[in-house]
Amino acid sequence: MLELNEVPVASQAPSVPQSAQRGSRMQPASPSDWPGLEGFDDPKVLQARVDRVPVWFHEFELPGGVWTRGYYKPAPKLHRFCLPERLDGQRVLDVGAWDGFFTFECEKRGAASVTSMDVWDPAINATSEGYAVAHRALNSRAVPIRGSVHDLDPAVHGQFDLVLYLGVLYHLTNPFESLQKLRAVTKKTLIVETASDMQLTSGPALAFYPGSELNGDGSNWFAPNASALVGMCKAAGFRNAKVVWSMGPLTRATRAAIRFVRDRENPLRGIARGRLVVHATV
């Protein structure tokens, strides 16, 4: 879900002042244990608590007209993910939840239960504090668990009707294994959103970034083209997989031109990069 002026989701560290990093270096074991989660019926109290969170990723509205102060504005992009309008009776897992926008959106759509999973790693400034504040303000019933996608185990976590895997795949050194882990806990549908590359290559291909070649970020490792991601989902055990949204060529060309002017990046390399969303079904 990275745009030119945005930072990635929880697996990646945003570029923030050292003072903010120091302020968020420690966190409690559970998001529910953060201090100062009371009195949110008063918008002024809630706004003051929101302002105390050193770094937000998602920008979204809380009760009383209070807005979080994130880098990424997910609401205008919701159409990309093709989420069902209603999720009544469904069990949902949100992997890489960070501040929880998609977790809370699934609750709004009637999900019977939502589990939020994230590493919430203070070392990369991605603590659970923002999630905790939003969770309490929204009186959410979502259950947060701290861990990696590689920790998923159906014997421990069960299976989910809908699994969200948004903006995480390209941060992993073993993206295919992560899809195998997700297949084991997916009962019906997995939605994958990821950075994409190699889009000028007709066959399945992944770009590998040994350094910070993708957006100047050393936590980005692989980015597939559409054919590769669909193939990886099927190889991981999903019966069907299809692209439901991809960044268009005009947008990719515009981004490539900006990167050429800004970073002197090869325009052909830039045009090959974008974002895509795949739905994989069991």
Protein backbone atom coordinates (compact mmCIF):
# COMPACT_ATOMS: atom_id res chain seq x y z
CA MET A 1 0.00 0.00 0.00
CA LEU A 2 2.99 2.25 -0.47
CA GLU A 3 2.48 5.42 -2.42
CA LEU A 4 5.20 7.90 -3.33
CA ASN A 5 4.55 9.99 -0.24
CA GLU A 6 3.78 7.13 2.12
CA VAL A 7 5.67 4.60 4.24
CA PRO A 8 4.95 0.88 4.35
CA VAL A 9 3.10 -1.14 6.97
CA ALA A 10 4.30 -2.59 10.20
CA SER A 11 7.14 -4.70 8.90
CA GLN A 12 9.02 -1.56 7.83
CA ALA A 13 10.42 1.25 9.92
CA PRO A 14 9.28 4.72 8.94
CA SER A 15 11.87 7.45 8.86
CA VAL A 16 11.23 9.36 12.09
CA PRO A 17 13.24 11.54 14.45
CA GLN A 18 15.45 9.74 16.95
CA SER A 19 13.53 11.38 19.80
CA ALA A 20 10.33 9.71 18.63
CA GLN A 21 12.14 6.39 18.29
CA ARG A 22 13.43 6.66 21.85
CA GLY A 23 9.94 7.46 23.09
CA SER A 24 8.46 4.29 21.62
CA ARG A 25 11.28 1.87 22.34
CA MET A 26 9.39 0.00 25.09
CA GLN A 27 5.89 -1.47 25.06
CA PRO A 28 3.80 -3.75 27.27
CA ALA A 29 3.31 -7.40 26.38
CA SER A 30 -0.31 -6.81 25.37
CA PRO A 31 -1.84 -3.77 23.64
CA SER A 32 -4.52 -3.73 26.33
CA ASP A 33 -1.84 -2.96 28.94
CA TRP A 34 -0.81 0.44 27.59
CA PRO A 35 -1.44 3.17 30.17
CA GLY A 36 -3.84 6.06 29.67
CA LEU A 37 -6.67 4.27 27.89
CA GLU A 38 -9.50 5.79 29.90
CA GLY A 39 -11.87 8.70 29.51
CA PHE A 40 -12.19 8.44 25.75
CA ASP A 41 -15.85 9.48 25.85
CA ASP A 42 -14.42 13.01 25.97
CA PRO A 43 -13.01 13.90 22.51
CA LYS A 44 -10.46 16.23 24.11
CA VAL A 45 -9.09 13.42 26.25
CA LEU A 46 -9.00 11.10 23.25
CA GLN A 47 -7.28 13.71 21.07
CA ALA A 48 -4.64 14.29 23.73
CA ARG A 49 -4.00 10.54 23.97
CA VAL A 50 -3.81 10.20 20.17
CA ASP A 51 -1.26 13.01 20.13
CA ARG A 52 0.91 11.13 22.65
CA VAL A 53 1.48 8.23 20.24
CA PRO A 54 4.91 8.99 18.68
CA VAL A 55 4.20 7.37 15.30
CA TRP A 56 0.94 6.40 13.62
CA PHE A 57 0.85 4.59 10.31
CA HIS A 58 -2.87 4.61 9.47
CA GLU A 59 -4.80 7.87 9.33
CA PHE A 60 -8.46 7.31 10.17
CA GLU A 61 -11.30 8.79 12.17
CA LEU A 62 -12.11 7.85 15.75
CA PRO A 63 -15.25 8.81 17.72
CA GLY A 64 -15.86 12.49 18.40
CA GLY A 65 -14.26 13.61 15.15
CA VAL A 66 -10.76 12.72 16.36
CA TRP A 67 -8.30 11.67 13.65
CA THR A 68 -5.14 9.64 14.01
CA ARG A 69 -2.02 11.17 12.48
CA GLY A 70 -0.80 8.46 10.12
CA TYR A 71 1.36 8.49 7.02
CA TYR A 72 -1.04 6.28 5.07
CA LYS A 73 -4.67 7.13 4.29
CA PRO A 74 -6.36 3.76 3.70
CA ALA A 75 -10.03 4.76 3.43
CA PRO A 76 -9.83 6.25 -0.10
CA LYS A 77 -8.11 3.05 -1.28
CA LEU A 78 -10.56 0.53 0.19
CA HIS A 79 -12.01 -0.22 -3.24
CA ARG A 80 -8.69 -1.77 -4.28
CA PHE A 81 -9.02 -4.67 -1.87
CA CYS A 82 -12.54 -5.74 -2.92
CA LEU A 83 -13.55 -6.50 0.64
CA PRO A 84 -17.04 -7.98 0.93
CA GLU A 85 -19.57 -5.33 1.92
CA ARG A 86 -20.80 -7.59 4.72
CA LEU A 87 -18.82 -10.09 6.76
CA ASP A 88 -21.61 -11.29 9.04
CA GLY A 89 -20.77 -14.52 10.81
CA GLN A 90 -17.22 -14.64 9.46
CA ARG A 91 -13.99 -15.11 11.39
CA VAL A 92 -11.29 -12.70 10.14
CA LEU A 93 -7.51 -12.55 10.58
CA ASP A 94 -5.64 -9.30 9.83
CA VAL A 95 -1.91 -10.04 9.43
CA GLY A 96 0.26 -6.92 9.73
CA ALA A 97 -2.51 -4.95 11.43
CA TRP A 98 -0.33 -2.16 12.88
CA ASP A 99 -2.77 0.61 13.94
CA GLY A 100 -5.72 -1.61 13.06
CA PHE A 101 -7.64 0.28 10.38
CA PHE A 102 -8.51 -2.88 8.45
CA THR A 103 -9.26 -4.79 11.64
CA PHE A 104 -11.80 -2.18 12.68
CA GLU A 105 -13.19 -1.93 9.14
CA CYS A 106 -13.95 -5.66 9.19
CA GLU A 107 -15.74 -5.21 12.50
CA LYS A 108 -17.82 -2.43 10.94
CA ARG A 109 -18.78 -4.86 8.20
CA GLY A 110 -20.21 -7.29 10.71
CA ALA A 111 -17.43 -9.85 11.20
CA ALA A 112 -18.25 -12.26 14.01
CA SER A 113 -14.67 -12.04 15.27
CA VAL A 114 -11.44 -10.38 14.17
CA THR A 115 -7.91 -11.29 15.20
CA SER A 116 -5.16 -8.70 14.67
CA MET A 117 -1.63 -10.02 14.24
CA ASP A 118 1.56 -7.99 14.05
CA VAL A 119 5.16 -8.11 15.20
CA TRP A 120 4.64 -4.65 16.78
CA ASP A 121 8.40 -4.32 17.06
CA PRO A 122 9.63 -1.26 18.97
CA ALA A 123 13.03 -1.63 17.31
CA ILE A 124 11.45 -0.46 14.04
CA ASN A 125 9.17 2.02 15.81
CA ALA A 126 6.07 -0.05 15.06
CA THR A 127 4.64 -0.42 18.55
CA SER A 128 1.10 -1.46 19.43
CA GLU A 129 0.33 1.87 21.13
CA GLY A 130 -1.73 3.35 18.30
CA TYR A 131 -3.64 0.09 17.95
CA ALA A 132 -4.35 0.10 21.69
CA VAL A 133 -5.69 3.66 21.65
CA ALA A 134 -7.91 3.07 18.63
CA HIS A 135 -9.08 -0.31 19.95
CA ARG A 136 -10.26 1.24 23.22
CA ALA A 137 -11.75 4.34 21.58
CA LEU A 138 -13.82 2.19 19.21
CA ASN A 139 -14.80 -0.31 21.93
CA SER A 140 -13.42 -2.97 19.63
CA ARG A 141 -13.80 -6.67 20.39
CA ALA A 142 -10.86 -7.62 18.15
CA VAL A 143 -8.23 -9.88 19.70
CA PRO A 144 -4.60 -8.78 19.19
CA ILE A 145 -1.78 -11.33 19.05
CA ARG A 146 1.85 -10.38 18.71
CA GLY A 147 3.79 -12.54 16.27
CA SER A 148 5.00 -13.15 12.76
CA VAL A 149 3.11 -14.71 9.87
CA HIS A 150 5.63 -17.55 10.16
CA ASP A 151 4.25 -18.31 13.64
CA LEU A 152 0.78 -19.13 12.32
CA ASP A 153 -0.40 -22.62 13.23
CA PRO A 154 -3.94 -23.92 12.69
CA ALA A 155 -3.58 -26.07 15.80
CA VAL A 156 -3.01 -22.92 17.83
CA HIS A 157 -4.91 -20.22 15.97
CA GLY A 158 -7.59 -22.20 14.16
CA GLN A 159 -8.83 -21.25 10.70
CA PHE A 160 -10.37 -18.05 9.39
CA ASP A 161 -13.00 -17.39 6.75
CA LEU A 162 -11.13 -14.30 5.56
CA VAL A 163 -7.43 -13.52 5.95
CA LEU A 164 -5.98 -10.08 5.14
CA TYR A 165 -2.32 -9.94 4.18
CA LEU A 166 -1.81 -6.35 3.16
CA GLY A 167 1.57 -4.72 2.60
CA VAL A 168 3.65 -7.46 4.24
CA LEU A 169 4.82 -9.97 1.61
CA TYR A 170 7.66 -7.88 0.19
CA HIS A 171 9.22 -7.37 3.62
CA LEU A 172 9.89 -11.09 4.07
CA THR A 173 12.99 -13.08 3.20
CA ASN A 174 10.80 -16.14 2.57
CA PRO A 175 7.56 -14.90 0.99
CA PHE A 176 6.50 -18.30 -0.38
CA GLU A 177 6.70 -19.92 3.04
CA SER A 178 4.47 -17.16 4.39
CA LEU A 179 1.81 -18.06 1.81
CA GLN A 180 2.03 -21.70 2.88
CA LYS A 181 1.51 -20.62 6.51
CA LEU A 182 -1.47 -18.51 5.47
CA ARG A 183 -2.99 -21.35 3.46
CA ALA A 184 -2.99 -23.52 6.59
CA VAL A 185 -5.16 -21.03 8.49
CA THR A 186 -7.39 -19.91 5.60
CA LYS A 187 -10.80 -21.53 5.44
CA LYS A 188 -12.16 -19.56 2.47
CA THR A 189 -10.36 -16.45 1.14
CA LEU A 190 -6.96 -14.78 1.43
CA ILE A 191 -6.51 -11.19 0.24
CA VAL A 192 -2.89 -10.30 -0.58
CA GLU A 193 -1.77 -6.74 -1.31
CA THR A 194 1.86 -6.17 -2.16
CA ALA A 195 4.47 -4.14 -3.93
CA SER A 196 4.93 -5.51 -7.44
CA ASP A 197 7.83 -5.52 -9.86
CA MET A 198 8.89 -7.21 -13.11
CA GLN A 199 5.60 -6.20 -14.70
CA LEU A 200 7.21 -5.97 -18.14
CA THR A 201 8.12 -9.67 -17.90
CA SER A 202 5.50 -12.00 -19.35
CA GLY A 203 6.29 -15.06 -17.22
CA PRO A 204 6.30 -15.44 -13.43
CA ALA A 205 9.12 -13.40 -11.90
CA LEU A 206 10.15 -11.79 -8.63
CA ALA A 207 12.55 -8.92 -8.17
CA PHE A 208 15.12 -9.38 -5.42
CA TYR A 209 16.49 -6.36 -3.55
CA PRO A 210 19.76 -7.16 -1.74
CA GLY A 211 19.99 -3.59 -0.48
CA SER A 212 17.60 -0.65 -0.44
CA GLU A 213 16.75 -0.68 -4.14
CA LEU A 214 13.00 -0.56 -3.52
CA ASN A 215 12.02 2.86 -2.17
CA GLY A 216 15.33 3.26 -0.36
CA ASP A 217 14.28 0.74 2.29
CA GLY A 218 16.49 -2.15 3.32
CA SER A 219 13.53 -4.09 4.76
CA ASN A 220 12.14 -4.71 1.25
CA TRP A 221 13.35 -8.04 -0.15
CA PHE A 222 11.11 -9.39 -2.94
CA ALA A 223 8.35 -8.07 -5.18
CA PRO A 224 6.48 -10.38 -7.59
CA ASN A 225 4.70 -9.67 -10.81
CA ALA A 226 1.06 -10.71 -11.09
CA SER A 227 1.83 -14.05 -12.73
CA ALA A 228 4.29 -14.95 -9.98
CA LEU A 229 1.96 -14.04 -7.12
CA VAL A 230 -0.96 -15.96 -8.61
CA GLY A 231 1.34 -18.94 -9.19
CA MET A 232 2.79 -18.76 -5.68
CA CYS A 233 -0.69 -18.76 -4.13
CA LYS A 234 -1.68 -21.82 -6.14
CA ALA A 235 1.60 -23.59 -5.36
CA ALA A 236 0.99 -22.87 -1.67
CA GLY A 237 -2.24 -24.82 -1.89
CA PHE A 238 -4.96 -22.35 -2.83
CA ARG A 239 -7.37 -23.75 -5.40
CA ASN A 240 -7.85 -20.47 -7.26
CA ALA A 241 -6.10 -17.11 -7.32
CA LYS A 242 -6.83 -14.02 -9.38
CA VAL A 243 -5.77 -10.39 -9.61
CA VAL A 244 -8.62 -8.11 -8.52
CA TRP A 245 -6.71 -4.81 -8.74
CA SER A 246 -3.37 -3.65 -10.08
CA MET A 247 -1.80 -0.25 -10.51
CA GLY A 248 -2.40 0.93 -14.06
CA PRO A 249 0.36 1.66 -16.60
CA LEU A 250 -0.31 5.43 -16.61
CA THR A 251 0.13 5.63 -12.84
CA ARG A 252 3.25 3.48 -13.02
CA ALA A 253 4.66 5.70 -15.77
CA THR A 254 3.95 8.85 -13.74
CA ARG A 255 5.68 7.35 -10.70
CA ALA A 256 8.61 6.30 -12.89
CA ALA A 257 8.98 9.85 -14.19
CA ILE A 258 8.98 11.24 -10.66
CA ARG A 259 11.62 8.74 -9.58
CA PHE A 260 13.73 9.52 -12.63
CA VAL A 261 13.73 13.23 -11.77
CA ARG A 262 14.13 12.67 -8.05
CA ASP A 263 16.45 9.64 -7.89
CA ARG A 264 17.73 9.27 -11.49
CA GLU A 265 16.18 5.78 -11.48
CA ASN A 266 16.02 4.00 -14.83
CA PRO A 267 12.49 4.77 -16.17
CA LEU A 268 12.04 1.21 -17.47
CA ARG A 269 12.73 -0.10 -14.00
CA GLY A 270 10.22 2.32 -12.55
CA ILE A 271 7.48 1.45 -15.03
CA ALA A 272 7.85 -2.21 -14.06
CA ARG A 273 6.96 -1.42 -10.45
CA GLY A 274 3.55 -0.92 -8.90
CA ARG A 275 1.05 -2.50 -6.49
CA LEU A 276 -1.37 -5.35 -6.90
CA VAL A 277 -4.11 -7.19 -5.02
CA VAL A 278 -4.81 -10.90 -5.39
CA HIS A 279 -7.72 -12.92 -3.97
CA ALA A 280 -6.83 -16.57 -3.34
CA THR A 281 -9.56 -19.05 -2.45
CA VAL A 282 -9.50 -22.52 -0.93
